Amino acid sequence: MSPDDDRPERRWPVQAANDNAGTAGPDPKALRKVDAVALTLARIIGRRMAREDFAKATQAANDNTPSARNGDGEDAGDEQ
């Protein structure tokens, strides 16, 4: 007795579980709507990223804000 004897009878042709060739497919109008929404979202994200990058680029390298390392915010070298 082989292990294949316990299996149910195979039916041919075997069809893959994700084979959707027999369906009519998605509605073209729905696909166009999804594309439009995806492009709009990409534009919004891109603009946001561009604004953040521009804000970083326009900041001065030394904005003279007190550093948190000194404790009270005053520079140690300024004392006389």
PDB file of N, CA and C in Angstrom:
ATOM      1  N   MET A   1       0.845  -1.174   0.000  1.00  0.00           N
ATOM      2  CA  MET A   1       0.000   0.000   0.000  1.00  0.00           C
ATOM      3  C   MET A   1       0.895   1.242   0.000  1.00  0.00           C
ATOM      4  N   SER A   2       0.691   2.128  -0.943  1.00  0.00           N
ATOM      5  CA  SER A   2       1.507   3.335  -1.036  1.00  0.00           C
ATOM      6  C   SER A   2       0.756   4.508  -0.411  1.00  0.00           C
ATOM      7  N   PRO A   3       1.489   5.602  -0.080  1.00  0.00           N
ATOM      8  CA  PRO A   3       0.833   6.765   0.519  1.00  0.00           C
ATOM      9  C   PRO A   3      -0.186   7.421  -0.420  1.00  0.00           C
ATOM     10  N   ASP A   4      -0.032   7.220  -1.721  1.00  0.00           N
ATOM     11  CA  ASP A   4      -0.957   7.813  -2.677  1.00  0.00           C
ATOM     12  C   ASP A   4      -2.330   7.142  -2.662  1.00  0.00           C
ATOM     13  N   ASP A   5      -2.417   5.960  -2.111  1.00  0.00           N
ATOM     14  CA  ASP A   5      -3.686   5.242  -2.107  1.00  0.00           C
ATOM     15  C   ASP A   5      -4.718   5.887  -1.189  1.00  0.00           C
ATOM     16  N   ASP A   6      -4.279   6.632  -0.175  1.00  0.00           N
ATOM     17  CA  ASP A   6      -5.200   7.255   0.764  1.00  0.00           C
ATOM     18  C   ASP A   6      -5.745   8.596   0.267  1.00  0.00           C
ATOM     19  N   ARG A   7      -5.171   9.131  -0.766  1.00  0.00           N
ATOM     20  CA  ARG A   7      -5.599  10.432  -1.273  1.00  0.00           C
ATOM     21  C   ARG A   7      -6.895  10.280  -2.072  1.00  0.00           C
ATOM     22  N   PRO A   8      -7.716  11.334  -2.043  1.00  0.00           N
ATOM     23  CA  PRO A   8      -8.919  11.278  -2.882  1.00  0.00           C
ATOM     24  C   PRO A   8      -8.529  11.340  -4.358  1.00  0.00           C
ATOM     25  N   GLU A   9      -9.436  10.904  -5.183  1.00  0.00           N
ATOM     26  CA  GLU A   9      -9.153  10.874  -6.616  1.00  0.00           C
ATOM     27  C   GLU A   9      -8.949  12.297  -7.139  1.00  0.00           C
ATOM     28  N   ARG A  10      -7.903  12.480  -7.919  1.00  0.00           N
ATOM     29  CA  ARG A  10      -7.612  13.798  -8.484  1.00  0.00           C
ATOM     30  C   ARG A  10      -8.522  14.060  -9.680  1.00  0.00           C
ATOM     31  N   ARG A  11      -8.930  15.293  -9.772  1.00  0.00           N
ATOM     32  CA  ARG A  11      -9.754  15.692 -10.910  1.00  0.00           C
ATOM     33  C   ARG A  11      -8.903  16.576 -11.826  1.00  0.00           C
ATOM     34  N   TRP A  12      -8.935  16.288 -13.095  1.00  0.00           N
ATOM     35  CA  TRP A  12      -8.144  17.041 -14.051  1.00  0.00           C
ATOM     36  C   TRP A  12      -9.059  17.846 -14.930  1.00  0.00           C
ATOM     37  N   PRO A  13      -8.735  18.992 -15.357  1.00  0.00           N
ATOM     38  CA  PRO A  13      -7.511  19.727 -15.084  1.00  0.00           C
ATOM     39  C   PRO A  13      -7.571  20.403 -13.720  1.00  0.00           C
ATOM     40  N   VAL A  14      -6.415  20.490 -13.078  1.00  0.00           N
ATOM     41  CA  VAL A  14      -6.316  21.147 -11.778  1.00  0.00           C
ATOM     42  C   VAL A  14      -6.311  22.656 -12.028  1.00  0.00           C
ATOM     43  N   GLN A  15      -7.123  23.365 -11.259  1.00  0.00           N
ATOM     44  CA  GLN A  15      -7.210  24.816 -11.417  1.00  0.00           C
ATOM     45  C   GLN A  15      -6.634  25.476 -10.169  1.00  0.00           C
ATOM     46  N   ALA A  16      -5.785  26.473 -10.383  1.00  0.00           N
ATOM     47  CA  ALA A  16      -5.174  27.177  -9.264  1.00  0.00           C
ATOM     48  C   ALA A  16      -6.247  27.943  -8.486  1.00  0.00           C
ATOM     49  N   ALA A  17      -5.984  28.112  -7.188  1.00  0.00           N
ATOM     50  CA  ALA A  17      -6.953  28.787  -6.328  1.00  0.00           C
ATOM     51  C   ALA A  17      -7.095  30.263  -6.684  1.00  0.00           C
ATOM     52  N   ASN A  18      -6.046  30.869  -7.215  1.00  0.00           N
ATOM     53  CA  ASN A  18      -6.096  32.289  -7.541  1.00  0.00           C
ATOM     54  C   ASN A  18      -6.326  32.545  -9.025  1.00  0.00           C
ATOM     55  N   ASP A  19      -6.800  31.553  -9.751  1.00  0.00           N
ATOM     56  CA  ASP A  19      -7.045  31.693 -11.173  1.00  0.00           C
ATOM     57  C   ASP A  19      -8.387  32.386 -11.390  1.00  0.00           C
ATOM     58  N   ASN A  20      -8.332  33.616 -11.834  1.00  0.00           N
ATOM     59  CA  ASN A  20      -9.546  34.388 -12.055  1.00  0.00           C
ATOM     60  C   ASN A  20      -9.830  34.583 -13.536  1.00  0.00           C
ATOM     61  N   ALA A  21      -9.317  33.720 -14.361  1.00  0.00           N
ATOM     62  CA  ALA A  21      -9.471  33.875 -15.796  1.00  0.00           C
ATOM     63  C   ALA A  21     -10.931  33.734 -16.229  1.00  0.00           C
ATOM     64  N   GLY A  22     -11.730  33.040 -15.468  1.00  0.00           N
ATOM     65  CA  GLY A  22     -13.115  32.823 -15.852  1.00  0.00           C
ATOM     66  C   GLY A  22     -14.033  33.977 -15.497  1.00  0.00           C
ATOM     67  N   THR A  23     -13.575  34.935 -14.727  1.00  0.00           N
ATOM     68  CA  THR A  23     -14.429  36.049 -14.331  1.00  0.00           C
ATOM     69  C   THR A  23     -14.344  37.162 -15.358  1.00  0.00           C
ATOM     70  N   ALA A  24     -15.259  38.083 -15.283  1.00  0.00           N
ATOM     71  CA  ALA A  24     -15.294  39.189 -16.233  1.00  0.00           C
ATOM     72  C   ALA A  24     -14.211  40.215 -15.941  1.00  0.00           C
ATOM     73  N   GLY A  25     -13.638  40.206 -14.754  1.00  0.00           N
ATOM     74  CA  GLY A  25     -12.586  41.150 -14.403  1.00  0.00           C
ATOM     75  C   GLY A  25     -13.154  42.373 -13.717  1.00  0.00           C
ATOM     76  N   PRO A  26     -12.286  43.226 -13.204  1.00  0.00           N
ATOM     77  CA  PRO A  26     -12.764  44.425 -12.504  1.00  0.00           C
ATOM     78  C   PRO A  26     -13.361  45.436 -13.483  1.00  0.00           C
ATOM     79  N   ASP A  27     -14.218  46.259 -12.955  1.00  0.00           N
ATOM     80  CA  ASP A  27     -14.871  47.291 -13.746  1.00  0.00           C
ATOM     81  C   ASP A  27     -13.842  48.361 -14.124  1.00  0.00           C
ATOM     82  N   PRO A  28     -13.730  48.710 -15.390  1.00  0.00           N
ATOM     83  CA  PRO A  28     -12.745  49.733 -15.801  1.00  0.00           C
ATOM     84  C   PRO A  28     -12.966  51.085 -15.127  1.00  0.00           C
ATOM     85  N   LYS A  29     -14.239  51.448 -14.889  1.00  0.00           N
ATOM     86  CA  LYS A  29     -14.510  52.717 -14.205  1.00  0.00           C
ATOM     87  C   LYS A  29     -13.933  52.691 -12.792  1.00  0.00           C
ATOM     88  N   ALA A  30     -14.095  51.566 -12.109  1.00  0.00           N
ATOM     89  CA  ALA A  30     -13.571  51.441 -10.751  1.00  0.00           C
ATOM     90  C   ALA A  30     -12.051  51.538 -10.755  1.00  0.00           C
ATOM     91  N   LEU A  31     -11.404  50.929 -11.738  1.00  0.00           N
ATOM     92  CA  LEU A  31      -9.941  51.000 -11.824  1.00  0.00           C
ATOM     93  C   LEU A  31      -9.473  52.430 -12.055  1.00  0.00           C
ATOM     94  N   ARG A  32     -10.196  53.190 -12.894  1.00  0.00           N
ATOM     95  CA  ARG A  32      -9.818  54.578 -13.127  1.00  0.00           C
ATOM     96  C   ARG A  32      -9.981  55.407 -11.857  1.00  0.00           C
ATOM     97  N   LYS A  33     -11.030  55.124 -11.079  1.00  0.00           N
ATOM     98  CA  LYS A  33     -11.236  55.845  -9.817  1.00  0.00           C
ATOM     99  C   LYS A  33     -10.114  55.544  -8.827  1.00  0.00           C
ATOM    100  N   VAL A  34      -9.727  54.272  -8.741  1.00  0.00           N
ATOM    101  CA  VAL A  34      -8.645  53.885  -7.837  1.00  0.00           C
ATOM    102  C   VAL A  34      -7.345  54.552  -8.259  1.00  0.00           C
ATOM    103  N   ASP A  35      -7.076  54.586  -9.554  1.00  0.00           N
ATOM    104  CA  ASP A  35      -5.862  55.251 -10.053  1.00  0.00           C
ATOM    105  C   ASP A  35      -5.867  56.730  -9.702  1.00  0.00           C
ATOM    106  N   ALA A  36      -7.013  57.383  -9.881  1.00  0.00           N
ATOM    107  CA  ALA A  36      -7.102  58.811  -9.584  1.00  0.00           C
ATOM    108  C   ALA A  36      -6.878  59.075  -8.092  1.00  0.00           C
ATOM    109  N   VAL A  37      -7.459  58.250  -7.241  1.00  0.00           N
ATOM    110  CA  VAL A  37      -7.288  58.418  -5.796  1.00  0.00           C
ATOM    111  C   VAL A  37      -5.835  58.174  -5.393  1.00  0.00           C
ATOM    112  N   ALA A  38      -5.222  57.153  -5.969  1.00  0.00           N
ATOM    113  CA  ALA A  38      -3.821  56.858  -5.643  1.00  0.00           C
ATOM    114  C   ALA A  38      -2.903  57.997  -6.076  1.00  0.00           C
ATOM    115  N   LEU A  39      -3.137  58.571  -7.244  1.00  0.00           N
ATOM    116  CA  LEU A  39      -2.317  59.694  -7.704  1.00  0.00           C
ATOM    117  C   LEU A  39      -2.520  60.919  -6.832  1.00  0.00           C
ATOM    118  N   THR A  40      -3.751  61.179  -6.424  1.00  0.00           N
ATOM    119  CA  THR A  40      -4.019  62.312  -5.543  1.00  0.00           C
ATOM    120  C   THR A  40      -3.300  62.147  -4.215  1.00  0.00           C
ATOM    121  N   LEU A  41      -3.377  60.965  -3.656  1.00  0.00           N
ATOM    122  CA  LEU A  41      -2.701  60.689  -2.396  1.00  0.00           C
ATOM    123  C   LEU A  41      -1.191  60.836  -2.536  1.00  0.00           C
ATOM    124  N   ALA A  42      -0.630  60.362  -3.629  1.00  0.00           N
ATOM    125  CA  ALA A  42       0.811  60.492  -3.864  1.00  0.00           C
ATOM    126  C   ALA A  42       1.221  61.962  -3.973  1.00  0.00           C
ATOM    127  N   ARG A  43       0.381  62.762  -4.623  1.00  0.00           N
ATOM    128  CA  ARG A  43       0.688  64.194  -4.731  1.00  0.00           C
ATOM    129  C   ARG A  43       0.662  64.868  -3.367  1.00  0.00           C
ATOM    130  N   ILE A  44      -0.323  64.520  -2.549  1.00  0.00           N
ATOM    131  CA  ILE A  44      -0.422  65.109  -1.208  1.00  0.00           C
ATOM    132  C   ILE A  44       0.807  64.750  -0.379  1.00  0.00           C
ATOM    133  N   ILE A  45       1.195  63.494  -0.417  1.00  0.00           N
ATOM    134  CA  ILE A  45       2.369  63.051   0.344  1.00  0.00           C
ATOM    135  C   ILE A  45       3.625  63.743  -0.173  1.00  0.00           C
ATOM    136  N   GLY A  46       3.749  63.851  -1.496  1.00  0.00           N
ATOM    137  CA  GLY A  46       4.915  64.506  -2.085  1.00  0.00           C
ATOM    138  C   GLY A  46       5.019  65.966  -1.693  1.00  0.00           C
ATOM    139  N   ARG A  47       3.884  66.656  -1.687  1.00  0.00           N
ATOM    140  CA  ARG A  47       3.901  68.070  -1.285  1.00  0.00           C
ATOM    141  C   ARG A  47       4.305  68.222   0.165  1.00  0.00           C
ATOM    142  N   ARG A  48       3.808  67.347   0.997  1.00  0.00           N
ATOM    143  CA  ARG A  48       4.149  67.402   2.428  1.00  0.00           C
ATOM    144  C   ARG A  48       5.655  67.183   2.627  1.00  0.00           C
ATOM    145  N   MET A  49       6.201  66.197   1.931  1.00  0.00           N
ATOM    146  CA  MET A  49       7.633  65.928   2.041  1.00  0.00           C
ATOM    147  C   MET A  49       8.446  67.114   1.524  1.00  0.00           C
ATOM    148  N   ALA A  50       7.991  67.732   0.434  1.00  0.00           N
ATOM    149  CA  ALA A  50       8.704  68.882  -0.117  1.00  0.00           C
ATOM    150  C   ALA A  50       8.676  70.050   0.861  1.00  0.00           C
ATOM    151  N   ARG A  51       7.535  70.278   1.513  1.00  0.00           N
ATOM    152  CA  ARG A  51       7.452  71.362   2.508  1.00  0.00           C
ATOM    153  C   ARG A  51       8.416  71.123   3.660  1.00  0.00           C
ATOM    154  N   GLU A  52       8.469  69.881   4.147  1.00  0.00           N
ATOM    155  CA  GLU A  52       9.369  69.564   5.261  1.00  0.00           C
ATOM    156  C   GLU A  52      10.824  69.741   4.845  1.00  0.00           C
ATOM    157  N   ASP A  53      11.181  69.296   3.655  1.00  0.00           N
ATOM    158  CA  ASP A  53      12.558  69.459   3.175  1.00  0.00           C
ATOM    159  C   ASP A  53      12.909  70.929   2.992  1.00  0.00           C
ATOM    160  N   PHE A  54      11.968  71.719   2.477  1.00  0.00           N
ATOM    161  CA  PHE A  54      12.219  73.146   2.292  1.00  0.00           C
ATOM    162  C   PHE A  54      12.404  73.836   3.636  1.00  0.00           C
ATOM    163  N   ALA A  55      11.602  73.460   4.627  1.00  0.00           N
ATOM    164  CA  ALA A  55      11.731  74.062   5.952  1.00  0.00           C
ATOM    165  C   ALA A  55      13.096  73.746   6.559  1.00  0.00           C
ATOM    166  N   LYS A  56      13.574  72.526   6.378  1.00  0.00           N
ATOM    167  CA  LYS A  56      14.900  72.159   6.884  1.00  0.00           C
ATOM    168  C   LYS A  56      15.997  72.925   6.156  1.00  0.00           C
ATOM    169  N   ALA A  57      15.830  73.123   4.852  1.00  0.00           N
ATOM    170  CA  ALA A  57      16.862  73.789   4.057  1.00  0.00           C
ATOM    171  C   ALA A  57      16.939  75.280   4.367  1.00  0.00           C
ATOM    172  N   THR A  58      15.838  75.884   4.767  1.00  0.00           N
ATOM    173  CA  THR A  58      15.845  77.324   5.022  1.00  0.00           C
ATOM    174  C   THR A  58      16.248  77.668   6.451  1.00  0.00           C
ATOM    175  N   GLN A  59      16.387  76.680   7.314  1.00  0.00           N
ATOM    176  CA  GLN A  59      16.839  76.952   8.679  1.00  0.00           C
ATOM    177  C   GLN A  59      18.331  77.233   8.669  1.00  0.00           C
ATOM    178  N   ALA A  60      18.733  78.160   9.506  1.00  0.00           N
ATOM    179  CA  ALA A  60      20.152  78.473   9.621  1.00  0.00           C
ATOM    180  C   ALA A  60      20.876  77.316  10.304  1.00  0.00           C
ATOM    181  N   ALA A  61      22.144  77.161   9.982  1.00  0.00           N
ATOM    182  CA  ALA A  61      22.923  76.099  10.594  1.00  0.00           C
ATOM    183  C   ALA A  61      23.086  76.334  12.089  1.00  0.00           C
ATOM    184  N   ASN A  62      23.207  77.592  12.503  1.00  0.00           N
ATOM    185  CA  ASN A  62      23.333  77.926  13.909  1.00  0.00           C
ATOM    186  C   ASN A  62      22.219  78.914  14.237  1.00  0.00           C
ATOM    187  N   ASP A  63      21.190  78.464  14.871  1.00  0.00           N
ATOM    188  CA  ASP A  63      20.063  79.341  15.171  1.00  0.00           C
ATOM    189  C   ASP A  63      20.157  79.966  16.559  1.00  0.00           C
ATOM    190  N   ASN A  64      21.294  79.769  17.236  1.00  0.00           N
ATOM    191  CA  ASN A  64      21.583  80.364  18.541  1.00  0.00           C
ATOM    192  C   ASN A  64      20.555  80.041  19.622  1.00  0.00           C
ATOM    193  N   THR A  65      19.971  78.892  19.543  1.00  0.00           N
ATOM    194  CA  THR A  65      19.090  78.463  20.622  1.00  0.00           C
ATOM    195  C   THR A  65      19.946  77.833  21.707  1.00  0.00           C
ATOM    196  N   PRO A  66      19.576  78.026  22.965  1.00  0.00           N
ATOM    197  CA  PRO A  66      20.379  77.446  24.045  1.00  0.00           C
ATOM    198  C   PRO A  66      20.370  75.927  23.976  1.00  0.00           C
ATOM    199  N   SER A  67      21.496  75.351  24.243  1.00  0.00           N
ATOM    200  CA  SER A  67      21.563  73.896  24.205  1.00  0.00           C
ATOM    201  C   SER A  67      21.101  73.328  25.538  1.00  0.00           C
ATOM    202  N   ALA A  68      20.578  72.141  25.517  1.00  0.00           N
ATOM    203  CA  ALA A  68      20.084  71.489  26.727  1.00  0.00           C
ATOM    204  C   ALA A  68      21.232  70.901  27.541  1.00  0.00           C
ATOM    205  N   ARG A  69      22.433  70.849  26.967  1.00  0.00           N
ATOM    206  CA  ARG A  69      23.568  70.248  27.672  1.00  0.00           C
ATOM    207  C   ARG A  69      24.046  71.095  28.840  1.00  0.00           C
ATOM    208  N   ASN A  70      23.905  72.400  28.746  1.00  0.00           N
ATOM    209  CA  ASN A  70      24.464  73.286  29.758  1.00  0.00           C
ATOM    210  C   ASN A  70      23.587  73.420  30.993  1.00  0.00           C
ATOM    211  N   GLY A  71      22.470  72.830  30.990  1.00  0.00           N
ATOM    212  CA  GLY A  71      21.622  72.872  32.173  1.00  0.00           C
ATOM    213  C   GLY A  71      20.703  74.064  32.200  1.00  0.00           C
ATOM    214  N   ASP A  72      21.236  75.269  32.443  1.00  0.00           N
ATOM    215  CA  ASP A  72      20.382  76.451  32.553  1.00  0.00           C
ATOM    216  C   ASP A  72      20.234  77.180  31.226  1.00  0.00           C
ATOM    217  N   GLY A  73      20.870  76.720  30.199  1.00  0.00           N
ATOM    218  CA  GLY A  73      20.703  77.310  28.892  1.00  0.00           C
ATOM    219  C   GLY A  73      21.754  78.343  28.547  1.00  0.00           C
ATOM    220  N   GLU A  74      22.605  78.717  29.471  1.00  0.00           N
ATOM    221  CA  GLU A  74      23.645  79.703  29.188  1.00  0.00           C
ATOM    222  C   GLU A  74      24.912  78.987  28.779  1.00  0.00           C
ATOM    223  N   ASP A  75      25.649  79.610  27.888  1.00  0.00           N
ATOM    224  CA  ASP A  75      26.909  79.035  27.450  1.00  0.00           C
ATOM    225  C   ASP A  75      27.945  79.186  28.573  1.00  0.00           C
ATOM    226  N   ALA A  76      28.753  78.164  28.783  1.00  0.00           N
ATOM    227  CA  ALA A  76      29.750  78.171  29.849  1.00  0.00           C
ATOM    228  C   ALA A  76      30.879  79.149  29.534  1.00  0.00           C
ATOM    229  N   GLY A  77      31.188  79.410  28.265  1.00  0.00           N
ATOM    230  CA  GLY A  77      32.292  80.284  27.899  1.00  0.00           C
ATOM    231  C   GLY A  77      31.951  81.754  27.985  1.00  0.00           C
ATOM    232  N   ASP A  78      30.711  82.129  28.238  1.00  0.00           N
ATOM    233  CA  ASP A  78      30.311  83.532  28.274  1.00  0.00           C
ATOM    234  C   ASP A  78      30.524  84.180  29.642  1.00  0.00           C
ATOM    235  N   GLU A  79      30.820  83.397  30.654  1.00  0.00           N
ATOM    236  CA  GLU A  79      30.983  83.959  32.009  1.00  0.00           C
ATOM    237  C   GLU A  79      32.306  84.702  32.106  1.00  0.00           C
ATOM    238  N   GLN A  80      32.335  85.842  32.882  1.00  0.00           N
ATOM    239  CA  GLN A  80      33.568  86.624  33.051  1.00  0.00           C
ATOM    240  C   GLN A  80      33.974  86.665  34.470  1.00  0.00           C
TER     241      GLN A  80
END
